Amino acid sequence: MSELQDGESIEMQGSGAKPYSLKNVGGVYSCTCPAWRNQSVGIERRTCKHLRKLRGDAAEEARIGNALPASPRRAKDEVQAPPLLLAERWDCITDPTGWWLSEKLDGVRAYWDGEQFWSRLGNAFHVPDWFSAGLPTVPLDGELWLGRKLFQRTVSIVRRQDKSDHWKDIRFVVFDAPSMEKGFEIRLEFVRECMRANKPVYAQPHEHQLCQGLDHLRKELARLESLGAEGLMMRRAGSQYESGRSTTLLKVKNFHDAGARVLKHLEGAGRHKGRLGALLVEMPNGTTFSVGTGFSDAERENPPPVGSLISYRYQELSDGGVPRFPSYIGVGEEAQPSAANPKGEIKVSTAPMPATRRFELSEGKSNKFWSIAVNECDVTVQFGRIGTQGQTNLKSFPDVAATAKHADKLIAEKLAKGYKEVAASPN
């Protein structure tokens, strides 16, 4: 029998071809097997035959038996989720100038009611008294946060019911004071003043900065994502705190500009009946999709002609390589006739398709591909089984040097795993 140290993991062969991963995170043991994943109890109370084989039946029984029972729920008419403000997704159209920017934290949302921490769904967090020392007796909205790319470990700590010392790794990052009927700037200053006056050890105000425009937004988003952040949040200046989803709070993830050729005009409906509803367009790699937002009324009355080039903005690519949330920017430039291009055919110069390097790996019944394309500060990776579309991931960097370094690292990792480079071709 053996024990796993905090943060340690081990693989154990099960009945399938792929071994299961057993891990200890903050005293919560987990296994990737279906038996552990499909249990309908809290993660701190789950076990399976692989954990029992590793630790022994007695150790597992003691661990599960010592776990505190789930906290009793309040009567049904008393159960109430806290009145949290929830974000909408930025539409790539709204001008961000004058909005407040902050990092989108990958932690656990928490509402401090002046006495107790509550989850978004209205469940109590079992927080040690020393963790909440120094917090004011008024409501605060924030995030229980451990660090970037540490969401799973954060969850394992805040869901524990033993008020353990693992909470010393957590910080309550505060970004609003819900009960104050004042504009956002006044509420944010109140939060900062509370932190300065009371000096809570485990709480801090969230950093905000005023957006200077679209270029500022893009640079800040690229900077944070290069550090491993999830994205950005945008808060409208002077806005009130509301319960539920509101367009005064927007979440922003990476977005990109690209070009496409117009294939067809799609007729509108409702207020756009009788004029353009969307453009059916084609990417340089042949992928087609529609762009239906970002147009002015004048552009809907007189849309870009079929065959012309447009510029559009999107936030990410789907697993099938289709841009998500595309928004029209404007008409692109057409190439002039020349010896190399006698017909003056349109060239997508705003976002040229980068050269793609493709790698493949065949081991037994496993036949996989992995490809990478670098376009200035963007790295697009596609992977999956040979013969399928696979999945697509896109990541952006603040400069070309960081982009190239990341691409070289990824390629070296694949070569080390036995992948062989082949001529790039459709999947």
Protein backbone atom coordinates (compact mmCIF):
# COMPACT_ATOMS: atom_id res chain seq x y z
CA MET A 1 0.00 0.00 0.00
CA SER A 2 1.21 3.52 -0.73
CA GLU A 3 0.20 7.12 -0.27
CA LEU A 4 0.25 10.03 -2.71
CA GLN A 5 1.66 13.34 -1.54
CA ASP A 6 -0.37 16.49 -2.12
CA GLY A 7 -0.28 17.23 -5.86
CA GLU A 8 1.20 13.82 -6.73
CA SER A 9 -0.40 11.46 -9.26
CA ILE A 10 0.16 7.92 -10.46
CA GLU A 11 -1.12 5.81 -13.34
CA MET A 12 -2.73 2.41 -12.79
CA GLN A 13 -3.74 -0.04 -15.48
CA GLY A 14 -7.44 -0.90 -15.50
CA SER A 15 -9.54 -3.06 -17.78
CA GLY A 16 -9.11 -0.69 -20.74
CA ALA A 17 -6.13 -0.07 -22.96
CA LYS A 18 -5.40 3.33 -21.45
CA PRO A 19 -4.30 3.47 -17.79
CA TYR A 20 -6.25 5.51 -15.25
CA SER A 21 -4.72 8.49 -13.44
CA LEU A 22 -4.99 8.59 -9.64
CA LYS A 23 -4.31 11.92 -7.95
CA ASN A 24 -4.25 13.60 -4.54
CA VAL A 25 -5.13 17.31 -4.63
CA GLY A 26 -5.42 18.92 -1.24
CA GLY A 27 -6.38 15.64 0.41
CA VAL A 28 -9.09 14.89 -2.16
CA TYR A 29 -8.29 11.65 -4.00
CA SER A 30 -9.55 11.17 -7.53
CA CYS A 31 -9.39 8.64 -10.33
CA THR A 32 -10.18 9.03 -14.02
CA CYS A 33 -12.06 5.74 -14.17
CA PRO A 34 -15.83 5.85 -14.95
CA ALA A 35 -16.71 4.33 -11.57
CA TRP A 36 -15.19 7.31 -9.73
CA ARG A 37 -16.42 9.97 -12.17
CA ASN A 38 -20.05 8.78 -12.25
CA GLN A 39 -20.71 8.72 -8.51
CA SER A 40 -23.45 11.12 -7.39
CA VAL A 41 -21.71 12.25 -4.20
CA GLY A 42 -19.21 15.01 -3.47
CA ILE A 43 -15.73 14.48 -4.85
CA GLU A 44 -14.29 14.28 -1.33
CA ARG A 45 -16.48 11.20 -0.59
CA ARG A 46 -15.79 9.19 -3.75
CA THR A 47 -13.66 6.08 -4.00
CA CYS A 48 -13.12 3.20 -6.43
CA LYS A 49 -11.33 -0.14 -6.67
CA HIS A 50 -8.19 1.52 -8.01
CA LEU A 51 -7.90 3.88 -5.03
CA ARG A 52 -8.58 0.94 -2.71
CA LYS A 53 -5.88 -1.07 -4.42
CA LEU A 54 -3.43 1.82 -4.05
CA ARG A 55 -4.21 2.89 -0.46
CA GLY A 56 -5.90 -0.17 1.00
CA ASP A 57 -9.50 -0.68 2.10
CA ALA A 58 -8.87 0.49 5.67
CA ALA A 59 -7.29 3.78 4.60
CA GLU A 60 -10.09 4.50 2.16
CA GLU A 61 -12.81 3.66 4.65
CA ALA A 62 -11.16 5.93 7.20
CA ARG A 63 -10.84 8.73 4.67
CA ILE A 64 -14.46 8.55 3.51
CA GLY A 65 -15.78 7.93 7.00
CA ASN A 66 -13.95 10.97 8.35
CA ALA A 67 -15.30 13.24 5.64
CA LEU A 68 -17.90 15.49 7.11
CA PRO A 69 -21.45 14.88 5.88
CA ALA A 70 -22.87 17.34 3.43
CA SER A 71 -24.07 20.49 5.12
CA PRO A 72 -27.81 20.39 5.76
CA ARG A 73 -29.75 22.35 3.20
CA ARG A 74 -32.04 25.06 4.35
CA ALA A 75 -35.75 24.54 3.99
CA LYS A 76 -36.89 24.74 0.38
CA ASP A 77 -38.56 28.12 0.85
CA GLU A 78 -35.35 29.44 2.43
CA VAL A 79 -32.90 28.24 -0.23
CA GLN A 80 -31.95 31.22 -2.30
CA ALA A 81 -29.01 31.81 -4.58
CA PRO A 82 -27.23 35.11 -3.99
CA PRO A 83 -28.29 37.96 -6.33
CA LEU A 84 -25.16 37.88 -8.48
CA LEU A 85 -24.47 39.96 -11.55
CA LEU A 86 -23.75 37.66 -14.52
CA ALA A 87 -21.88 38.55 -17.69
CA GLU A 88 -22.91 38.50 -21.31
CA ARG A 89 -20.42 37.77 -24.10
CA TRP A 90 -18.87 40.74 -25.88
CA ASP A 91 -20.27 41.00 -29.41
CA CYS A 92 -17.03 42.37 -30.98
CA ILE A 93 -19.05 45.45 -31.99
CA THR A 94 -19.56 47.45 -28.78
CA ASP A 95 -16.85 50.11 -28.49
CA PRO A 96 -14.78 49.20 -25.39
CA THR A 97 -13.41 52.75 -24.95
CA GLY A 98 -14.14 54.00 -21.43
CA TRP A 99 -15.07 50.58 -20.04
CA TRP A 100 -13.19 49.09 -17.08
CA LEU A 101 -10.98 46.09 -17.90
CA SER A 102 -10.00 43.31 -15.51
CA GLU A 103 -8.61 39.81 -15.82
CA LYS A 104 -11.17 37.02 -16.09
CA LEU A 105 -10.23 34.78 -13.17
CA ASP A 106 -10.50 31.01 -13.44
CA GLY A 107 -11.57 30.52 -9.84
CA VAL A 108 -14.84 29.86 -7.98
CA ARG A 109 -17.42 32.66 -7.74
CA ALA A 110 -18.20 33.56 -4.13
CA TYR A 111 -20.63 35.94 -2.43
CA TRP A 112 -19.79 37.26 1.04
CA ASP A 113 -23.03 38.33 2.74
CA GLY A 114 -21.27 39.98 5.68
CA GLU A 115 -21.15 36.79 7.75
CA GLN A 116 -20.88 33.78 5.43
CA PHE A 117 -19.52 32.80 2.01
CA TRP A 118 -22.05 31.42 -0.50
CA SER A 119 -21.63 29.79 -3.88
CA ARG A 120 -23.38 30.97 -7.01
CA LEU A 121 -26.10 28.35 -6.43
CA GLY A 122 -26.61 29.25 -2.78
CA ASN A 123 -24.48 26.57 -1.09
CA ALA A 124 -22.36 27.53 1.91
CA PHE A 125 -18.56 27.34 1.71
CA HIS A 126 -16.97 25.86 4.85
CA VAL A 127 -14.41 28.61 5.38
CA PRO A 128 -12.08 28.78 8.40
CA ASP A 129 -12.72 31.75 10.68
CA TRP A 130 -9.23 33.08 10.12
CA PHE A 131 -9.82 33.18 6.35
CA SER A 132 -12.72 35.65 6.62
CA ALA A 133 -11.14 37.76 9.37
CA GLY A 134 -11.08 41.44 8.44
CA LEU A 135 -13.91 41.30 5.90
CA PRO A 136 -16.63 43.97 6.34
CA THR A 137 -20.17 43.20 7.47
CA VAL A 138 -21.55 44.23 4.06
CA PRO A 139 -21.93 42.03 0.96
CA LEU A 140 -18.97 41.58 -1.38
CA ASP A 141 -18.83 39.86 -4.76
CA GLY A 142 -15.64 38.15 -5.84
CA GLU A 143 -13.76 34.99 -6.73
CA LEU A 144 -12.04 32.37 -4.61
CA TRP A 145 -8.82 32.14 -6.57
CA LEU A 146 -5.59 30.17 -6.33
CA GLY A 147 -3.86 31.14 -9.57
CA ARG A 148 -3.98 30.82 -13.34
CA LYS A 149 -4.61 27.33 -14.70
CA LEU A 150 -5.30 26.03 -11.16
CA PHE A 151 -9.09 25.82 -11.31
CA GLN A 152 -9.34 22.12 -10.45
CA ARG A 153 -7.15 22.48 -7.38
CA THR A 154 -9.17 25.53 -6.30
CA VAL A 155 -12.39 23.51 -6.53
CA SER A 156 -10.90 20.65 -4.53
CA ILE A 157 -10.01 23.04 -1.70
CA VAL A 158 -13.17 25.15 -1.50
CA ARG A 159 -15.43 22.09 -1.65
CA ARG A 160 -13.77 20.52 1.38
CA GLN A 161 -15.89 20.62 4.52
CA ASP A 162 -13.17 20.34 7.15
CA LYS A 163 -12.00 24.00 7.14
CA SER A 164 -8.47 22.79 6.47
CA ASP A 165 -5.22 24.75 6.25
CA HIS A 166 -5.38 24.34 2.45
CA TRP A 167 -7.47 27.53 2.51
CA LYS A 168 -4.22 29.40 3.20
CA ASP A 169 -3.45 29.02 -0.54
CA ILE A 170 -6.73 30.67 -1.56
CA ARG A 171 -7.41 34.39 -1.97
CA PHE A 172 -10.80 36.11 -2.06
CA VAL A 173 -10.38 38.54 -4.95
CA VAL A 174 -13.13 41.16 -4.61
CA PHE A 175 -14.50 43.06 -7.59
CA ASP A 176 -17.77 44.59 -6.38
CA ALA A 177 -19.96 45.66 -3.44
CA PRO A 178 -23.49 44.58 -4.47
CA SER A 179 -25.51 46.35 -1.77
CA MET A 180 -24.25 49.85 -2.57
CA GLU A 181 -26.65 51.76 -4.82
CA LYS A 182 -23.84 53.76 -6.38
CA GLY A 183 -21.97 53.73 -9.67
CA PHE A 184 -19.31 51.11 -10.29
CA GLU A 185 -16.34 53.41 -9.60
CA ILE A 186 -17.69 54.36 -6.17
CA ARG A 187 -18.33 50.72 -5.28
CA LEU A 188 -14.85 49.73 -6.41
CA GLU A 189 -13.26 52.48 -4.32
CA PHE A 190 -15.31 51.27 -1.34
CA VAL A 191 -13.86 47.78 -1.80
CA ARG A 192 -10.32 49.19 -1.93
CA GLU A 193 -10.91 51.28 1.19
CA CYS A 194 -12.24 48.24 3.07
CA MET A 195 -9.10 46.32 2.18
CA ARG A 196 -6.82 49.23 3.20
CA ALA A 197 -8.63 49.82 6.50
CA ASN A 198 -9.20 46.23 7.65
CA LYS A 199 -6.14 44.60 6.02
CA PRO A 200 -7.66 41.11 5.62
CA VAL A 201 -4.87 38.60 5.07
CA TYR A 202 -6.72 36.47 2.56
CA ALA A 203 -8.70 39.08 0.60
CA GLN A 204 -7.68 41.70 -1.94
CA PRO A 205 -9.37 44.03 -4.45
CA HIS A 206 -9.32 43.03 -8.10
CA GLU A 207 -7.24 45.24 -10.38
CA HIS A 208 -9.11 47.32 -13.00
CA GLN A 209 -7.91 49.71 -15.70
CA LEU A 210 -9.78 52.06 -18.00
CA CYS A 211 -9.84 50.90 -21.62
CA GLN A 212 -8.34 53.38 -24.08
CA GLY A 213 -9.82 51.73 -27.16
CA LEU A 214 -9.86 48.59 -29.27
CA ASP A 215 -6.07 48.42 -29.69
CA HIS A 216 -5.63 48.68 -25.92
CA LEU A 217 -8.17 45.88 -25.41
CA ARG A 218 -6.40 43.61 -27.89
CA LYS A 219 -2.95 44.20 -26.37
CA GLU A 220 -4.15 43.64 -22.82
CA LEU A 221 -6.00 40.48 -23.84
CA ALA A 222 -2.92 39.12 -25.62
CA ARG A 223 -0.71 39.97 -22.64
CA LEU A 224 -2.96 38.20 -20.14
CA GLU A 225 -3.55 35.15 -22.31
CA SER A 226 0.21 34.78 -22.82
CA LEU A 227 0.43 34.51 -19.01
CA GLY A 228 -2.23 31.78 -18.94
CA ALA A 229 -5.28 33.90 -18.13
CA GLU A 230 -8.76 32.95 -19.35
CA GLY A 231 -9.54 36.33 -20.88
CA LEU A 232 -10.89 39.74 -19.91
CA MET A 233 -13.97 41.21 -18.25
CA MET A 234 -15.40 44.59 -19.33
CA ARG A 235 -17.48 46.65 -16.85
CA ARG A 236 -19.43 49.67 -18.07
CA ALA A 237 -18.38 52.87 -16.31
CA GLY A 238 -20.95 54.22 -13.85
CA SER A 239 -23.16 51.12 -14.08
CA GLN A 240 -25.30 49.86 -11.22
CA TYR A 241 -25.12 46.37 -9.73
CA GLU A 242 -27.89 44.16 -11.14
CA SER A 243 -29.06 40.64 -10.36
CA GLY A 244 -28.88 38.30 -13.35
CA ARG A 245 -27.31 38.68 -16.78
CA SER A 246 -26.56 42.19 -17.91
CA THR A 247 -24.87 43.86 -20.87
CA THR A 248 -23.08 46.16 -18.40
CA LEU A 249 -20.69 43.25 -17.72
CA LEU A 250 -19.09 41.53 -20.70
CA LYS A 251 -16.62 38.66 -20.94
CA VAL A 252 -14.00 38.83 -23.65
CA LYS A 253 -11.90 36.01 -24.99
CA ASN A 254 -9.36 36.16 -27.76
CA PHE A 255 -10.52 37.53 -31.10
CA HIS A 256 -8.89 37.88 -34.47
CA ASP A 257 -9.33 39.71 -37.76
CA ALA A 258 -9.44 37.77 -41.01
CA GLY A 259 -10.69 37.99 -44.58
CA ALA A 260 -13.16 35.96 -46.63
CA ARG A 261 -14.80 36.01 -50.06
CA VAL A 262 -18.54 36.69 -50.39
CA LEU A 263 -20.41 33.74 -51.93
CA LYS A 264 -24.04 34.74 -51.45
CA HIS A 265 -26.42 37.29 -49.93
CA LEU A 266 -28.81 35.73 -47.42
CA GLU A 267 -32.13 37.54 -47.09
CA GLY A 268 -33.02 38.99 -43.72
CA ALA A 269 -36.08 38.44 -41.56
CA GLY A 270 -37.97 40.61 -39.10
CA ARG A 271 -36.67 44.18 -39.16
CA HIS A 272 -34.21 43.17 -41.89
CA LYS A 273 -36.84 41.63 -44.19
CA GLY A 274 -36.30 42.77 -47.76
CA ARG A 275 -32.61 43.50 -47.27
CA LEU A 276 -29.40 41.71 -46.27
CA GLY A 277 -29.65 39.36 -43.30
CA ALA A 278 -26.19 37.79 -43.56
CA LEU A 279 -23.33 37.10 -45.94
CA LEU A 280 -22.38 33.57 -46.85
CA VAL A 281 -18.60 33.72 -47.14
CA GLU A 282 -15.67 31.40 -47.80
CA MET A 283 -12.35 31.25 -45.99
CA PRO A 284 -9.14 30.75 -48.01
CA ASN A 285 -9.11 27.07 -46.97
CA GLY A 286 -12.60 26.52 -48.41
CA THR A 287 -14.57 26.60 -45.14
CA THR A 288 -17.89 28.43 -45.52
CA PHE A 289 -19.94 30.21 -42.86
CA SER A 290 -22.25 33.20 -42.52
CA VAL A 291 -21.59 36.68 -41.09
CA GLY A 292 -24.76 38.34 -39.83
CA THR A 293 -23.69 41.08 -37.39
CA GLY A 294 -21.70 44.29 -37.58
CA PHE A 295 -23.57 45.78 -40.56
CA SER A 296 -25.03 49.29 -40.59
CA ASP A 297 -28.47 49.84 -42.09
CA ALA A 298 -26.80 51.39 -45.15
CA GLU A 299 -24.58 48.32 -45.59
CA ARG A 300 -27.58 46.01 -45.35
CA GLU A 301 -29.29 48.04 -48.08
CA ASN A 302 -26.16 47.99 -50.26
CA PRO A 303 -24.08 44.96 -49.19
CA PRO A 304 -20.66 43.98 -50.52
CA PRO A 305 -21.13 42.30 -53.93
CA VAL A 306 -20.77 38.56 -54.46
CA GLY A 307 -17.12 37.78 -55.19
CA SER A 308 -15.75 40.70 -53.16
CA LEU A 309 -13.47 40.42 -50.17
CA ILE A 310 -14.63 41.38 -46.67
CA SER A 311 -12.84 41.69 -43.34
CA TYR A 312 -14.44 40.18 -40.25
CA ARG A 313 -13.61 39.69 -36.60
CA TYR A 314 -14.11 36.48 -34.62
CA GLN A 315 -13.33 35.22 -31.13
CA GLU A 316 -12.25 31.61 -31.69
CA LEU A 317 -12.45 28.66 -34.07
CA SER A 318 -14.84 25.78 -33.45
CA ASP A 319 -13.59 22.19 -33.44
CA GLY A 320 -14.51 22.12 -37.12
CA GLY A 321 -12.43 25.23 -37.86
CA VAL A 322 -15.41 27.59 -38.26
CA PRO A 323 -15.10 31.11 -36.76
CA ARG A 324 -17.31 31.66 -33.72
CA PHE A 325 -19.19 34.97 -33.33
CA PRO A 326 -17.99 36.49 -36.62
CA SER A 327 -18.70 40.20 -37.00
CA TYR A 328 -18.39 42.26 -40.19
CA ILE A 329 -15.70 44.98 -40.24
CA GLY A 330 -15.66 46.26 -43.80
CA VAL A 331 -14.85 45.64 -47.45
CA GLY A 332 -11.35 44.35 -48.18
CA GLU A 333 -9.05 45.39 -50.99
CA GLU A 334 -9.12 43.71 -54.38
CA ALA A 335 -5.94 42.83 -56.23
CA GLN A 336 -5.13 44.77 -59.40
CA PRO A 337 -4.52 42.85 -62.66
CA SER A 338 -0.85 41.95 -63.17
CA ALA A 339 1.30 39.45 -64.98
CA ALA A 340 1.02 37.07 -62.05
CA ASN A 341 -2.69 37.77 -61.62
CA PRO A 342 -4.09 38.75 -65.06
CA LYS A 343 -7.73 38.56 -63.96
CA GLY A 344 -7.20 40.72 -60.89
CA GLU A 345 -8.62 37.98 -58.66
CA ILE A 346 -9.26 38.85 -55.02
CA LYS A 347 -6.53 37.94 -52.59
CA VAL A 348 -7.16 37.59 -48.88
CA SER A 349 -4.34 39.82 -47.73
CA THR A 350 -5.79 40.79 -44.34
CA ALA A 351 -5.18 37.32 -42.89
CA PRO A 352 -3.16 35.11 -45.24
CA MET A 353 -3.41 31.41 -44.63
CA PRO A 354 -0.13 30.33 -43.05
CA ALA A 355 1.90 27.32 -44.14
CA THR A 356 0.80 24.26 -42.21
CA ARG A 357 3.15 21.57 -40.93
CA ARG A 358 1.54 18.17 -40.39
CA PHE A 359 2.78 15.31 -38.22
CA GLU A 360 1.43 11.78 -37.83
CA LEU A 361 1.85 8.96 -35.33
CA SER A 362 0.85 5.31 -35.82
CA GLU A 363 1.07 2.92 -32.88
CA GLY A 364 -0.87 -0.32 -33.07
CA LYS A 365 -4.50 0.62 -33.67
CA SER A 366 -3.85 4.28 -32.88
CA ASN A 367 -3.38 6.52 -35.92
CA LYS A 368 -3.25 10.20 -35.02
CA PHE A 369 -2.38 13.46 -36.75
CA TRP A 370 -1.24 16.82 -35.40
CA SER A 371 -0.75 19.98 -37.45
CA ILE A 372 0.42 23.49 -36.65
CA ALA A 373 0.11 26.79 -38.48
CA VAL A 374 1.73 30.09 -37.45
CA ASN A 375 0.25 33.37 -38.64
CA GLU A 376 2.12 36.35 -37.19
CA CYS A 377 1.12 36.22 -33.48
CA ASP A 378 -1.39 33.35 -33.78
CA VAL A 379 -0.69 29.62 -33.46
CA THR A 380 -3.40 27.25 -34.73
CA VAL A 381 -3.14 23.59 -33.77
CA GLN A 382 -5.34 20.82 -35.15
CA PHE A 383 -5.28 17.22 -33.90
CA GLY A 384 -7.27 14.00 -33.89
CA ARG A 385 -7.59 10.62 -35.57
CA ILE A 386 -6.34 10.39 -39.14
CA GLY A 387 -9.30 10.63 -41.48
CA THR A 388 -11.33 12.92 -39.21
CA GLN A 389 -11.68 16.69 -38.95
CA GLY A 390 -10.22 16.54 -35.43
CA GLN A 391 -10.20 19.44 -32.99
CA THR A 392 -8.78 22.94 -33.44
CA ASN A 393 -7.14 25.17 -30.84
CA LEU A 394 -5.94 28.72 -31.43
CA LYS A 395 -3.64 30.74 -29.18
CA SER A 396 -2.31 34.27 -29.57
CA PHE A 397 0.88 35.88 -28.25
CA PRO A 398 2.01 39.48 -27.67
CA ASP A 399 4.81 39.34 -30.26
CA VAL A 400 6.25 37.27 -33.11
CA ALA A 401 9.22 36.03 -31.06
CA ALA A 402 6.98 34.55 -28.35
CA THR A 403 4.80 32.97 -31.07
CA ALA A 404 7.76 31.28 -32.76
CA LYS A 405 9.16 30.06 -29.44
CA HIS A 406 5.83 28.47 -28.51
CA ALA A 407 5.48 26.80 -31.94
CA ASP A 408 9.03 25.39 -31.80
CA LYS A 409 8.35 24.00 -28.33
CA LEU A 410 5.17 22.26 -29.45
CA ILE A 411 6.88 20.74 -32.49
CA ALA A 412 9.80 19.49 -30.38
CA GLU A 413 7.36 17.84 -27.96
CA LYS A 414 5.58 16.01 -30.78
CA LEU A 415 8.83 14.82 -32.34
CA ALA A 416 9.95 13.54 -28.93
CA LYS A 417 6.73 11.51 -28.71
CA GLY A 418 7.46 9.80 -32.04
CA TYR A 419 5.42 11.91 -34.46
CA LYS A 420 6.81 12.07 -37.99
CA GLU A 421 6.39 15.09 -40.24
CA VAL A 422 4.46 14.49 -43.48
CA ALA A 423 3.25 16.69 -46.31
CA ALA A 424 0.31 18.80 -45.11
CA SER A 425 -2.97 17.62 -46.56
CA PRO A 426 -6.67 17.69 -45.71
CA ASN A 427 -7.73 15.30 -42.98
